[in-house]
Structures are given as C-alpha cells and as structure tokens.
Amino acid sequence: MPLLTHIDQSSGVRVRRAKPIRYELAEPGQLVHVDIKKQGRIPDGGGHRMLGRQAGNRNNKKKGRGYAFLHHAVDDHSRLAYSEILDDERKETASAFWERANAFFKPRGSR
C-alpha cells in the first residue's frame, strides 16, 4: 500500500513522485567518506540484561567493559570500503587509521 502522502486524496490514484537525484564522481578517490561509530562491548556469556544485574555485573569485571570504535572509510566512486575496530577515537588513532586506509585504497586505483 502506498503512503497517504503518495496518493491523490480525492481520487485515491497514486501520484508519481520525482525520481531522486543521484550522483557518481568520475574517478576513484575524489571523495572518501570517513565515519567513526561507537559501539558498547558485550562480554562473553552476556551482560546484565542476559544474566540479571547481579550475575551480569560479576561477568563484567574489567574484561569486556567499555566501547569499541568502528572506523570506516568508503570511496564514493567505487563504494569500496575499509574498516577497522579500534580502542578509541582520538586524533592520533584517527590519523593513523587514515594513513592505513590510504595505503589500502592506493593500489586499487584511488589517489
């Protein structure tokens, strides 16, 4: 069923929507999207939601707590992606990730 906003209210006939404007850059490497996503770590055996608050807190002692940071770089032309799971999102870590991502993209035609 189409959404009510996609049909003519008086006749109920589907109204054509404008096609989305899509783009693609001419060469690999012209635009690379970089993103960092923060994810909570779940310890082996589960956390407090799986085991209950008391048992889950025993399972979480130091090991498995905290966050993992997923660093992603995606080439806009080829949609080729490079990702790493790292311990933080500080500038030193992010710049080192960018150097490794550049080394990954370079032999694949990205400049």
PDB file of N, CA and C in Angstrom:
ATOM      1  N   MET A   1       0.842  -1.187   0.000  1.00  0.00           N
ATOM      2  CA  MET A   1       0.000   0.000   0.000  1.00  0.00           C
ATOM      3  C   MET A   1       0.877   1.236   0.000  1.00  0.00           C
ATOM      4  N   PRO A   2       0.584   2.186  -0.858  1.00  0.00           N
ATOM      5  CA  PRO A   2       1.343   3.437  -0.823  1.00  0.00           C
ATOM      6  C   PRO A   2       0.941   4.272   0.392  1.00  0.00           C
ATOM      7  N   LEU A   3       1.834   5.138   0.812  1.00  0.00           N
ATOM      8  CA  LEU A   3       1.527   6.052   1.902  1.00  0.00           C
ATOM      9  C   LEU A   3       0.457   7.040   1.463  1.00  0.00           C
ATOM     10  N   LEU A   4      -0.286   7.581   2.398  1.00  0.00           N
ATOM     11  CA  LEU A   4      -1.331   8.543   2.056  1.00  0.00           C
ATOM     12  C   LEU A   4      -0.772   9.772   1.353  1.00  0.00           C
ATOM     13  N   THR A   5       0.452  10.146   1.666  1.00  0.00           N
ATOM     14  CA  THR A   5       1.048  11.309   1.011  1.00  0.00           C
ATOM     15  C   THR A   5       1.425  11.034  -0.434  1.00  0.00           C
ATOM     16  N   HIS A   6       1.426   9.754  -0.850  1.00  0.00           N
ATOM     17  CA  HIS A   6       1.799   9.401  -2.217  1.00  0.00           C
ATOM     18  C   HIS A   6       0.600   9.191  -3.126  1.00  0.00           C
ATOM     19  N   ILE A   7      -0.608   9.370  -2.618  1.00  0.00           N
ATOM     20  CA  ILE A   7      -1.790   9.212  -3.459  1.00  0.00           C
ATOM     21  C   ILE A   7      -2.592  10.509  -3.470  1.00  0.00           C
ATOM     22  N   ASP A   8      -3.395  10.677  -4.524  1.00  0.00           N
ATOM     23  CA  ASP A   8      -4.278  11.834  -4.610  1.00  0.00           C
ATOM     24  C   ASP A   8      -5.432  11.629  -3.632  1.00  0.00           C
ATOM     25  N   GLN A   9      -5.661  12.592  -2.739  1.00  0.00           N
ATOM     26  CA  GLN A   9      -6.651  12.437  -1.681  1.00  0.00           C
ATOM     27  C   GLN A   9      -8.081  12.309  -2.217  1.00  0.00           C
ATOM     28  N   SER A  10      -8.393  12.983  -3.308  1.00  0.00           N
ATOM     29  CA  SER A  10      -9.776  12.937  -3.802  1.00  0.00           C
ATOM     30  C   SER A  10     -10.079  11.681  -4.615  1.00  0.00           C
ATOM     31  N   SER A  11      -9.123  11.230  -5.430  1.00  0.00           N
ATOM     32  CA  SER A  11      -9.411  10.086  -6.293  1.00  0.00           C
ATOM     33  C   SER A  11      -8.793   8.780  -5.807  1.00  0.00           C
ATOM     34  N   GLY A  12      -7.773   8.849  -4.970  1.00  0.00           N
ATOM     35  CA  GLY A  12      -7.106   7.636  -4.488  1.00  0.00           C
ATOM     36  C   GLY A  12      -6.092   7.082  -5.475  1.00  0.00           C
ATOM     37  N   VAL A  13      -5.813   7.811  -6.567  1.00  0.00           N
ATOM     38  CA  VAL A  13      -4.856   7.367  -7.579  1.00  0.00           C
ATOM     39  C   VAL A  13      -3.440   7.721  -7.113  1.00  0.00           C
ATOM     40  N   ARG A  14      -2.544   6.796  -7.358  1.00  0.00           N
ATOM     41  CA  ARG A  14      -1.153   7.032  -6.964  1.00  0.00           C
ATOM     42  C   ARG A  14      -0.570   8.191  -7.767  1.00  0.00           C
ATOM     43  N   VAL A  15       0.084   9.099  -7.071  1.00  0.00           N
ATOM     44  CA  VAL A  15       0.719  10.247  -7.706  1.00  0.00           C
ATOM     45  C   VAL A  15       2.191   9.921  -7.893  1.00  0.00           C
ATOM     46  N   ARG A  16       2.699  10.221  -9.059  1.00  0.00           N
ATOM     47  CA  ARG A  16       4.110   9.934  -9.314  1.00  0.00           C
ATOM     48  C   ARG A  16       4.993  10.887  -8.535  1.00  0.00           C
ATOM     49  N   ARG A  17       6.025  10.332  -7.968  1.00  0.00           N
ATOM     50  CA  ARG A  17       6.997  11.135  -7.241  1.00  0.00           C
ATOM     51  C   ARG A  17       8.181  11.422  -8.157  1.00  0.00           C
ATOM     52  N   ALA A  18       8.846  12.520  -7.893  1.00  0.00           N
ATOM     53  CA  ALA A  18      10.050  12.838  -8.652  1.00  0.00           C
ATOM     54  C   ALA A  18      11.149  11.835  -8.304  1.00  0.00           C
ATOM     55  N   LYS A  19      11.903  11.421  -9.311  1.00  0.00           N
ATOM     56  CA  LYS A  19      12.997  10.497  -9.066  1.00  0.00           C
ATOM     57  C   LYS A  19      14.083  11.202  -8.265  1.00  0.00           C
ATOM     58  N   PRO A  20      14.718  10.481  -7.344  1.00  0.00           N
ATOM     59  CA  PRO A  20      15.798  11.108  -6.578  1.00  0.00           C
ATOM     60  C   PRO A  20      16.982  11.432  -7.478  1.00  0.00           C
ATOM     61  N   ILE A  21      17.672  12.506  -7.150  1.00  0.00           N
ATOM     62  CA  ILE A  21      18.853  12.906  -7.908  1.00  0.00           C
ATOM     63  C   ILE A  21      20.041  12.130  -7.355  1.00  0.00           C
ATOM     64  N   ARG A  22      20.632  11.316  -8.196  1.00  0.00           N
ATOM     65  CA  ARG A  22      21.777  10.513  -7.785  1.00  0.00           C
ATOM     66  C   ARG A  22      23.018  11.060  -8.470  1.00  0.00           C
ATOM     67  N   TYR A  23      24.147  10.836  -7.851  1.00  0.00           N
ATOM     68  CA  TYR A  23      25.391  11.302  -8.436  1.00  0.00           C
ATOM     69  C   TYR A  23      26.448  10.227  -8.286  1.00  0.00           C
ATOM     70  N   GLU A  24      27.450  10.320  -9.114  1.00  0.00           N
ATOM     71  CA  GLU A  24      28.605   9.449  -9.011  1.00  0.00           C
ATOM     72  C   GLU A  24      29.802  10.244  -9.497  1.00  0.00           C
ATOM     73  N   LEU A  25      30.826  10.274  -8.698  1.00  0.00           N
ATOM     74  CA  LEU A  25      32.013  11.015  -9.087  1.00  0.00           C
ATOM     75  C   LEU A  25      32.767  10.264 -10.175  1.00  0.00           C
ATOM     76  N   ALA A  26      33.520  10.998 -10.969  1.00  0.00           N
ATOM     77  CA  ALA A  26      34.134  10.447 -12.173  1.00  0.00           C
ATOM     78  C   ALA A  26      35.282   9.480 -11.883  1.00  0.00           C
ATOM     79  N   GLU A  27      36.057   9.727 -10.841  1.00  0.00           N
ATOM     80  CA  GLU A  27      37.239   8.909 -10.591  1.00  0.00           C
ATOM     81  C   GLU A  27      37.271   8.424  -9.138  1.00  0.00           C
ATOM     82  N   PRO A  28      37.873   7.246  -8.913  1.00  0.00           N
ATOM     83  CA  PRO A  28      38.048   6.797  -7.531  1.00  0.00           C
ATOM     84  C   PRO A  28      38.960   7.765  -6.770  1.00  0.00           C
ATOM     85  N   GLY A  29      38.619   8.013  -5.524  1.00  0.00           N
ATOM     86  CA  GLY A  29      39.445   8.861  -4.686  1.00  0.00           C
ATOM     87  C   GLY A  29      39.060  10.325  -4.666  1.00  0.00           C
ATOM     88  N   GLN A  30      38.124  10.739  -5.507  1.00  0.00           N
ATOM     89  CA  GLN A  30      37.711  12.143  -5.496  1.00  0.00           C
ATOM     90  C   GLN A  30      37.006  12.499  -4.194  1.00  0.00           C
ATOM     91  N   LEU A  31      36.254  11.564  -3.642  1.00  0.00           N
ATOM     92  CA  LEU A  31      35.566  11.791  -2.383  1.00  0.00           C
ATOM     93  C   LEU A  31      35.554  10.483  -1.590  1.00  0.00           C
ATOM     94  N   VAL A  32      36.068  10.541  -0.368  1.00  0.00           N
ATOM     95  CA  VAL A  32      36.075   9.379   0.524  1.00  0.00           C
ATOM     96  C   VAL A  32      35.340   9.766   1.797  1.00  0.00           C
ATOM     97  N   HIS A  33      34.304   9.025   2.131  1.00  0.00           N
ATOM     98  CA  HIS A  33      33.531   9.265   3.348  1.00  0.00           C
ATOM     99  C   HIS A  33      34.218   8.545   4.504  1.00  0.00           C
ATOM    100  N   VAL A  34      34.430   9.249   5.612  1.00  0.00           N
ATOM    101  CA  VAL A  34      35.044   8.651   6.798  1.00  0.00           C
ATOM    102  C   VAL A  34      34.074   8.821   7.958  1.00  0.00           C
ATOM    103  N   ASP A  35      33.888   7.741   8.719  1.00  0.00           N
ATOM    104  CA  ASP A  35      32.953   7.780   9.839  1.00  0.00           C
ATOM    105  C   ASP A  35      33.522   6.951  10.986  1.00  0.00           C
ATOM    106  N   ILE A  36      33.170   7.342  12.212  1.00  0.00           N
ATOM    107  CA  ILE A  36      33.552   6.589  13.401  1.00  0.00           C
ATOM    108  C   ILE A  36      32.277   6.289  14.182  1.00  0.00           C
ATOM    109  N   LYS A  37      32.037   5.025  14.487  1.00  0.00           N
ATOM    110  CA  LYS A  37      30.842   4.600  15.203  1.00  0.00           C
ATOM    111  C   LYS A  37      31.238   3.993  16.539  1.00  0.00           C
ATOM    112  N   LYS A  38      30.629   4.459  17.619  1.00  0.00           N
ATOM    113  CA  LYS A  38      30.916   3.983  18.971  1.00  0.00           C
ATOM    114  C   LYS A  38      29.944   2.847  19.314  1.00  0.00           C
ATOM    115  N   GLN A  39      30.487   1.668  19.662  1.00  0.00           N
ATOM    116  CA  GLN A  39      29.675   0.502  19.985  1.00  0.00           C
ATOM    117  C   GLN A  39      30.047  -0.012  21.370  1.00  0.00           C
ATOM    118  N   GLY A  40      29.053  -0.334  22.187  1.00  0.00           N
ATOM    119  CA  GLY A  40      29.310  -0.918  23.503  1.00  0.00           C
ATOM    120  C   GLY A  40      29.749  -2.359  23.375  1.00  0.00           C
ATOM    121  N   ARG A  41      30.718  -2.748  24.184  1.00  0.00           N
ATOM    122  CA  ARG A  41      31.198  -4.136  24.173  1.00  0.00           C
ATOM    123  C   ARG A  41      30.296  -5.008  25.034  1.00  0.00           C
ATOM    124  N   ILE A  42      30.060  -6.224  24.587  1.00  0.00           N
ATOM    125  CA  ILE A  42      29.293  -7.209  25.348  1.00  0.00           C
ATOM    126  C   ILE A  42      30.252  -8.330  25.724  1.00  0.00           C
ATOM    127  N   PRO A  43      30.437  -8.611  27.021  1.00  0.00           N
ATOM    128  CA  PRO A  43      31.393  -9.645  27.416  1.00  0.00           C
ATOM    129  C   PRO A  43      30.908 -11.041  27.032  1.00  0.00           C
ATOM    130  N   ASP A  44      31.842 -11.990  26.971  1.00  0.00           N
ATOM    131  CA  ASP A  44      31.492 -13.380  26.689  1.00  0.00           C
ATOM    132  C   ASP A  44      30.525 -13.877  27.758  1.00  0.00           C
ATOM    133  N   GLY A  45      29.483 -14.553  27.360  1.00  0.00           N
ATOM    134  CA  GLY A  45      28.486 -15.053  28.296  1.00  0.00           C
ATOM    135  C   GLY A  45      27.343 -14.087  28.520  1.00  0.00           C
ATOM    136  N   GLY A  46      27.462 -12.868  28.012  1.00  0.00           N
ATOM    137  CA  GLY A  46      26.386 -11.896  28.141  1.00  0.00           C
ATOM    138  C   GLY A  46      26.611 -10.935  29.292  1.00  0.00           C
ATOM    139  N   GLY A  47      25.850  -9.879  29.286  1.00  0.00           N
ATOM    140  CA  GLY A  47      25.932  -8.860  30.316  1.00  0.00           C
ATOM    141  C   GLY A  47      24.755  -8.955  31.267  1.00  0.00           C
ATOM    142  N   HIS A  48      24.447  -7.852  31.935  1.00  0.00           N
ATOM    143  CA  HIS A  48      23.400  -7.870  32.956  1.00  0.00           C
ATOM    144  C   HIS A  48      22.005  -8.070  32.370  1.00  0.00           C
ATOM    145  N   ARG A  49      21.779  -7.721  31.124  1.00  0.00           N
ATOM    146  CA  ARG A  49      20.441  -7.925  30.542  1.00  0.00           C
ATOM    147  C   ARG A  49      20.162  -9.398  30.283  1.00  0.00           C
ATOM    148  N   MET A  50      21.211 -10.159  30.025  1.00  0.00           N
ATOM    149  CA  MET A  50      21.053 -11.594  29.765  1.00  0.00           C
ATOM    150  C   MET A  50      21.024 -12.398  31.071  1.00  0.00           C
ATOM    151  N   LEU A  51      21.889 -12.031  32.010  1.00  0.00           N
ATOM    152  CA  LEU A  51      22.087 -12.833  33.206  1.00  0.00           C
ATOM    153  C   LEU A  51      21.449 -12.258  34.461  1.00  0.00           C
ATOM    154  N   GLY A  52      20.905 -11.076  34.379  1.00  0.00           N
ATOM    155  CA  GLY A  52      20.420 -10.399  35.573  1.00  0.00           C
ATOM    156  C   GLY A  52      21.487  -9.446  36.090  1.00  0.00           C
ATOM    157  N   ARG A  53      21.082  -8.457  36.858  1.00  0.00           N
ATOM    158  CA  ARG A  53      22.002  -7.402  37.283  1.00  0.00           C
ATOM    159  C   ARG A  53      23.172  -7.940  38.116  1.00  0.00           C
ATOM    160  N   GLN A  54      22.909  -8.811  39.081  1.00  0.00           N
ATOM    161  CA  GLN A  54      23.974  -9.276  39.971  1.00  0.00           C
ATOM    162  C   GLN A  54      24.987 -10.164  39.233  1.00  0.00           C
ATOM    163  N   ALA A  55      24.514 -11.149  38.506  1.00  0.00           N
ATOM    164  CA  ALA A  55      25.417 -12.048  37.773  1.00  0.00           C
ATOM    165  C   ALA A  55      26.083 -11.321  36.616  1.00  0.00           C
ATOM    166  N   GLY A  56      25.359 -10.440  35.968  1.00  0.00           N
ATOM    167  CA  GLY A  56      25.931  -9.699  34.852  1.00  0.00           C
ATOM    168  C   GLY A  56      27.046  -8.785  35.276  1.00  0.00           C
ATOM    169  N   ASN A  57      26.932  -8.171  36.447  1.00  0.00           N
ATOM    170  CA  ASN A  57      27.994  -7.307  36.940  1.00  0.00           C
ATOM    171  C   ASN A  57      29.239  -8.108  37.315  1.00  0.00           C
ATOM    172  N   ARG A  58      29.077  -9.329  37.807  1.00  0.00           N
ATOM    173  CA  ARG A  58      30.244 -10.176  38.089  1.00  0.00           C
ATOM    174  C   ARG A  58      30.967 -10.525  36.794  1.00  0.00           C
ATOM    175  N   ASN A  59      30.208 -10.761  35.742  1.00  0.00           N
ATOM    176  CA  ASN A  59      30.780 -11.133  34.449  1.00  0.00           C
ATOM    177  C   ASN A  59      31.499  -9.949  33.795  1.00  0.00           C
ATOM    178  N   ASN A  60      31.136  -8.729  34.165  1.00  0.00           N
ATOM    179  CA  ASN A  60      31.684  -7.538  33.528  1.00  0.00           C
ATOM    180  C   ASN A  60      32.938  -7.000  34.189  1.00  0.00           C
ATOM    181  N   LYS A  61      33.419  -7.607  35.228  1.00  0.00           N
ATOM    182  CA  LYS A  61      34.561  -7.054  35.956  1.00  0.00           C
ATOM    183  C   LYS A  61      35.733  -6.826  35.015  1.00  0.00           C
ATOM    184  N   LYS A  62      36.002  -5.597  34.718  1.00  0.00           N
ATOM    185  CA  LYS A  62      37.121  -5.099  33.911  1.00  0.00           C
ATOM    186  C   LYS A  62      37.135  -5.656  32.495  1.00  0.00           C
ATOM    187  N   LYS A  63      37.028  -6.965  32.324  1.00  0.00           N
ATOM    188  CA  LYS A  63      37.141  -7.563  30.994  1.00  0.00           C
ATOM    189  C   LYS A  63      35.826  -7.431  30.230  1.00  0.00           C
ATOM    190  N   GLY A  64      35.872  -6.827  29.068  1.00  0.00           N
ATOM    191  CA  GLY A  64      34.692  -6.736  28.230  1.00  0.00           C
ATOM    192  C   GLY A  64      33.904  -5.461  28.391  1.00  0.00           C
ATOM    193  N   ARG A  65      34.228  -4.646  29.375  1.00  0.00           N
ATOM    194  CA  ARG A  65      33.504  -3.388  29.550  1.00  0.00           C
ATOM    195  C   ARG A  65      34.059  -2.324  28.637  1.00  0.00           C
ATOM    196  N   GLY A  66      33.263  -1.312  28.406  1.00  0.00           N
ATOM    197  CA  GLY A  66      33.740  -0.168  27.633  1.00  0.00           C
ATOM    198  C   GLY A  66      33.155  -0.149  26.236  1.00  0.00           C
ATOM    199  N   TYR A  67      33.880   0.475  25.351  1.00  0.00           N
ATOM    200  CA  TYR A  67      33.393   0.691  23.995  1.00  0.00           C
ATOM    201  C   TYR A  67      34.438   0.279  22.978  1.00  0.00           C
ATOM    202  N   ALA A  68      33.974  -0.090  21.813  1.00  0.00           N
ATOM    203  CA  ALA A  68      34.810  -0.315  20.647  1.00  0.00           C
ATOM    204  C   ALA A  68      34.420   0.751  19.629  1.00  0.00           C
ATOM    205  N   PHE A  69      35.388   1.249  18.886  1.00  0.00           N
ATOM    206  CA  PHE A  69      35.133   2.300  17.907  1.00  0.00           C
ATOM    207  C   PHE A  69      35.394   1.742  16.517  1.00  0.00           C
ATOM    208  N   LEU A  70      34.349   1.728  15.687  1.00  0.00           N
ATOM    209  CA  LEU A  70      34.468   1.237  14.326  1.00  0.00           C
ATOM    210  C   LEU A  70      34.788   2.413  13.418  1.00  0.00           C
ATOM    211  N   HIS A  71      35.954   2.377  12.796  1.00  0.00           N
ATOM    212  CA  HIS A  71      36.389   3.418  11.869  1.00  0.00           C
ATOM    213  C   HIS A  71      36.135   2.905  10.455  1.00  0.00           C
ATOM    214  N   HIS A  72      35.447   3.702   9.646  1.00  0.00           N
ATOM    215  CA  HIS A  72      35.104   3.305   8.280  1.00  0.00           C
ATOM    216  C   HIS A  72      35.560   4.375   7.300  1.00  0.00           C
ATOM    217  N   ALA A  73      36.018   3.949   6.120  1.00  0.00           N
ATOM    218  CA  ALA A  73      36.308   4.845   5.009  1.00  0.00           C
ATOM    219  C   ALA A  73      35.709   4.201   3.760  1.00  0.00           C
ATOM    220  N   VAL A  74      34.871   4.950   3.029  1.00  0.00           N
ATOM    221  CA  VAL A  74      34.193   4.417   1.844  1.00  0.00           C
ATOM    222  C   VAL A  74      34.472   5.345   0.666  1.00  0.00           C
ATOM    223  N   ASP A  75      35.001   4.773  -0.426  1.00  0.00           N
ATOM    224  CA  ASP A  75      35.232   5.536  -1.652  1.00  0.00           C
ATOM    225  C   ASP A  75      33.894   5.761  -2.344  1.00  0.00           C
ATOM    226  N   ASP A  76      33.609   7.014  -2.694  1.00  0.00           N
ATOM    227  CA  ASP A  76      32.311   7.358  -3.259  1.00  0.00           C
ATOM    228  C   ASP A  76      32.112   6.804  -4.662  1.00  0.00           C
ATOM    229  N   HIS A  77      33.146   6.728  -5.466  1.00  0.00           N
ATOM    230  CA  HIS A  77      33.003   6.254  -6.847  1.00  0.00           C
ATOM    231  C   HIS A  77      32.787   4.748  -6.911  1.00  0.00           C
ATOM    232  N   SER A  78      33.661   3.985  -6.265  1.00  0.00           N
ATOM    233  CA  SER A  78      33.599   2.528  -6.391  1.00  0.00           C
ATOM    234  C   SER A  78      32.839   1.852  -5.257  1.00  0.00           C
ATOM    235  N   ARG A  79      32.519   2.593  -4.182  1.00  0.00           N
ATOM    236  CA  ARG A  79      31.860   2.066  -2.989  1.00  0.00           C
ATOM    237  C   ARG A  79      32.713   1.015  -2.281  1.00  0.00           C
ATOM    238  N   LEU A  80      34.018   1.072  -2.529  1.00  0.00           N
ATOM    239  CA  LEU A  80      34.958   0.204  -1.847  1.00  0.00           C
ATOM    240  C   LEU A  80      35.129   0.716  -0.426  1.00  0.00           C
ATOM    241  N   ALA A  81      35.076  -0.182   0.560  1.00  0.00           N
ATOM    242  CA  ALA A  81      35.122   0.223   1.966  1.00  0.00           C
ATOM    243  C   ALA A  81      36.318  -0.393   2.676  1.00  0.00           C
ATOM    244  N   TYR A  82      36.838   0.354   3.648  1.00  0.00           N
ATOM    245  CA  TYR A  82      37.901  -0.118   4.525  1.00  0.00           C
ATOM    246  C   TYR A  82      37.459   0.179   5.947  1.00  0.00           C
ATOM    247  N   SER A  83      37.510  -0.817   6.837  1.00  0.00           N
ATOM    248  CA  SER A  83      37.049  -0.641   8.219  1.00  0.00           C
ATOM    249  C   SER A  83      38.023  -1.286   9.192  1.00  0.00           C
ATOM    250  N   GLU A  84      38.085  -0.710  10.392  1.00  0.00           N
ATOM    251  CA  GLU A  84      38.876  -1.265  11.484  1.00  0.00           C
ATOM    252  C   GLU A  84      38.123  -1.056  12.786  1.00  0.00           C
ATOM    253  N   ILE A  85      38.317  -1.963  13.737  1.00  0.00           N
ATOM    254  CA  ILE A  85      37.791  -1.793  15.086  1.00  0.00           C
ATOM    255  C   ILE A  85      38.969  -1.379  15.959  1.00  0.00           C
ATOM    256  N   LEU A  86      38.878  -0.177  16.553  1.00  0.00           N
ATOM    257  CA  LEU A  86      39.963   0.375  17.351  1.00  0.00           C
ATOM    258  C   LEU A  86      39.474   0.705  18.756  1.00  0.00           C
ATOM    259  N   ASP A  87      40.409   1.007  19.656  1.00  0.00           N
ATOM    260  CA  ASP A  87      40.084   1.216  21.068  1.00  0.00           C
ATOM    261  C   ASP A  87      39.592   2.616  21.401  1.00  0.00           C
ATOM    262  N   ASP A  88      39.872   3.611  20.561  1.00  0.00           N
ATOM    263  CA  ASP A  88      39.450   4.976  20.879  1.00  0.00           C
ATOM    264  C   ASP A  88      39.246   5.762  19.585  1.00  0.00           C
ATOM    265  N   GLU A  89      38.879   7.025  19.741  1.00  0.00           N
ATOM    266  CA  GLU A  89      38.652   7.884  18.582  1.00  0.00           C
ATOM    267  C   GLU A  89      39.473   9.169  18.683  1.00  0.00           C
ATOM    268  N   ARG A  90      40.616   9.091  19.357  1.00  0.00           N
ATOM    269  CA  ARG A  90      41.484  10.262  19.486  1.00  0.00           C
ATOM    270  C   ARG A  90      42.097  10.619  18.146  1.00  0.00           C
ATOM    271  N   LYS A  91      42.643  11.842  18.065  1.00  0.00           N
ATOM    272  CA  LYS A  91      43.168  12.324  16.790  1.00  0.00           C
ATOM    273  C   LYS A  91      44.338  11.472  16.296  1.00  0.00           C
ATOM    274  N   GLU A  92      45.170  10.973  17.200  1.00  0.00           N
ATOM    275  CA  GLU A  92      46.302  10.143  16.785  1.00  0.00           C
ATOM    276  C   GLU A  92      45.815   8.832  16.171  1.00  0.00           C
ATOM    277  N   THR A  93      44.810   8.246  16.782  1.00  0.00           N
ATOM    278  CA  THR A  93      44.247   6.986  16.281  1.00  0.00           C
ATOM    279  C   THR A  93      43.563   7.199  14.938  1.00  0.00           C
ATOM    280  N   ALA A  94      42.794   8.289  14.829  1.00  0.00           N
ATOM    281  CA  ALA A  94      42.071   8.569  13.585  1.00  0.00           C
ATOM    282  C   ALA A  94      43.035   8.870  12.438  1.00  0.00           C
ATOM    283  N   SER A  95      44.110   9.612  12.709  1.00  0.00           N
ATOM    284  CA  SER A  95      45.059   9.921  11.637  1.00  0.00           C
ATOM    285  C   SER A  95      45.840   8.675  11.217  1.00  0.00           C
ATOM    286  N   ALA A  96      46.169   7.801  12.184  1.00  0.00           N
ATOM    287  CA  ALA A  96      46.832   6.544  11.835  1.00  0.00           C
ATOM    288  C   ALA A  96      45.898   5.656  11.010  1.00  0.00           C
ATOM    289  N   PHE A  97      44.610   5.660  11.361  1.00  0.00           N
ATOM    290  CA  PHE A  97      43.625   4.913  10.557  1.00  0.00           C
ATOM    291  C   PHE A  97      43.584   5.459   9.128  1.00  0.00           C
ATOM    292  N   TRP A  98      43.602   6.771   8.995  1.00  0.00           N
ATOM    293  CA  TRP A  98      43.539   7.384   7.660  1.00  0.00           C
ATOM    294  C   TRP A  98      44.760   7.000   6.827  1.00  0.00           C
ATOM    295  N   GLU A  99      45.939   6.930   7.444  1.00  0.00           N
ATOM    296  CA  GLU A  99      47.142   6.508   6.717  1.00  0.00           C
ATOM    297  C   GLU A  99      46.989   5.068   6.219  1.00  0.00           C
ATOM    298  N   ARG A 100      46.475   4.188   7.075  1.00  0.00           N
ATOM    299  CA  ARG A 100      46.276   2.786   6.665  1.00  0.00           C
ATOM    300  C   ARG A 100      45.187   2.674   5.597  1.00  0.00           C
ATOM    301  N   ALA A 101      44.142   3.488   5.692  1.00  0.00           N
ATOM    302  CA  ALA A 101      43.087   3.479   4.677  1.00  0.00           C
ATOM    303  C   ALA A 101      43.639   3.956   3.335  1.00  0.00           C
ATOM    304  N   ASN A 102      44.482   4.995   3.360  1.00  0.00           N
ATOM    305  CA  ASN A 102      45.110   5.465   2.123  1.00  0.00           C
ATOM    306  C   ASN A 102      45.964   4.376   1.492  1.00  0.00           C
ATOM    307  N   ALA A 103      46.736   3.666   2.319  1.00  0.00           N
ATOM    308  CA  ALA A 103      47.559   2.570   1.814  1.00  0.00           C
ATOM    309  C   ALA A 103      46.691   1.455   1.225  1.00  0.00           C
ATOM    310  N   PHE A 104      45.504   1.252   1.773  1.00  0.00           N
ATOM    311  CA  PHE A 104      44.576   0.242   1.246  1.00  0.00           C
ATOM    312  C   PHE A 104      43.990   0.679  -0.104  1.00  0.00           C
ATOM    313  N   PHE A 105      43.597   1.944  -0.216  1.00  0.00           N
ATOM    314  CA  PHE A 105      42.944   2.431  -1.433  1.00  0.00           C
ATOM    315  C   PHE A 105      43.915   2.647  -2.591  1.00  0.00           C
ATOM    316  N   LYS A 106      45.165   3.004  -2.310  1.00  0.00           N
ATOM    317  CA  LYS A 106      46.117   3.385  -3.355  1.00  0.00           C
ATOM    318  C   LYS A 106      46.313   2.321  -4.422  1.00  0.00           C
ATOM    319  N   PRO A 107      46.584   1.040  -4.085  1.00  0.00           N
ATOM    320  CA  PRO A 107      46.787   0.041  -5.151  1.00  0.00           C
ATOM    321  C   PRO A 107      45.494  -0.293  -5.911  1.00  0.00           C
ATOM    322  N   ARG A 108      44.377   0.166  -5.417  1.00  0.00           N
ATOM    323  CA  ARG A 108      43.097  -0.132  -6.074  1.00  0.00           C
ATOM    324  C   ARG A 108      42.609   1.016  -6.951  1.00  0.00           C
ATOM    325  N   GLY A 109      43.513   1.930  -7.299  1.00  0.00           N
ATOM    326  CA  GLY A 109      43.184   2.978  -8.256  1.00  0.00           C
ATOM    327  C   GLY A 109      42.780   4.307  -7.641  1.00  0.00           C
ATOM    328  N   SER A 110      42.767   4.422  -6.337  1.00  0.00           N
ATOM    329  CA  SER A 110      42.400   5.677  -5.695  1.00  0.00           C
ATOM    330  C   SER A 110      43.665   6.488  -5.475  1.00  0.00           C
ATOM    331  N   ARG A 111      43.556   7.795  -5.679  1.00  0.00           N
ATOM    332  CA  ARG A 111      44.757   8.621  -5.495  1.00  0.00           C
ATOM    333  C   ARG A 111      44.681   9.412  -4.212  1.00  0.00           C
TER     334      ARG A 111
END
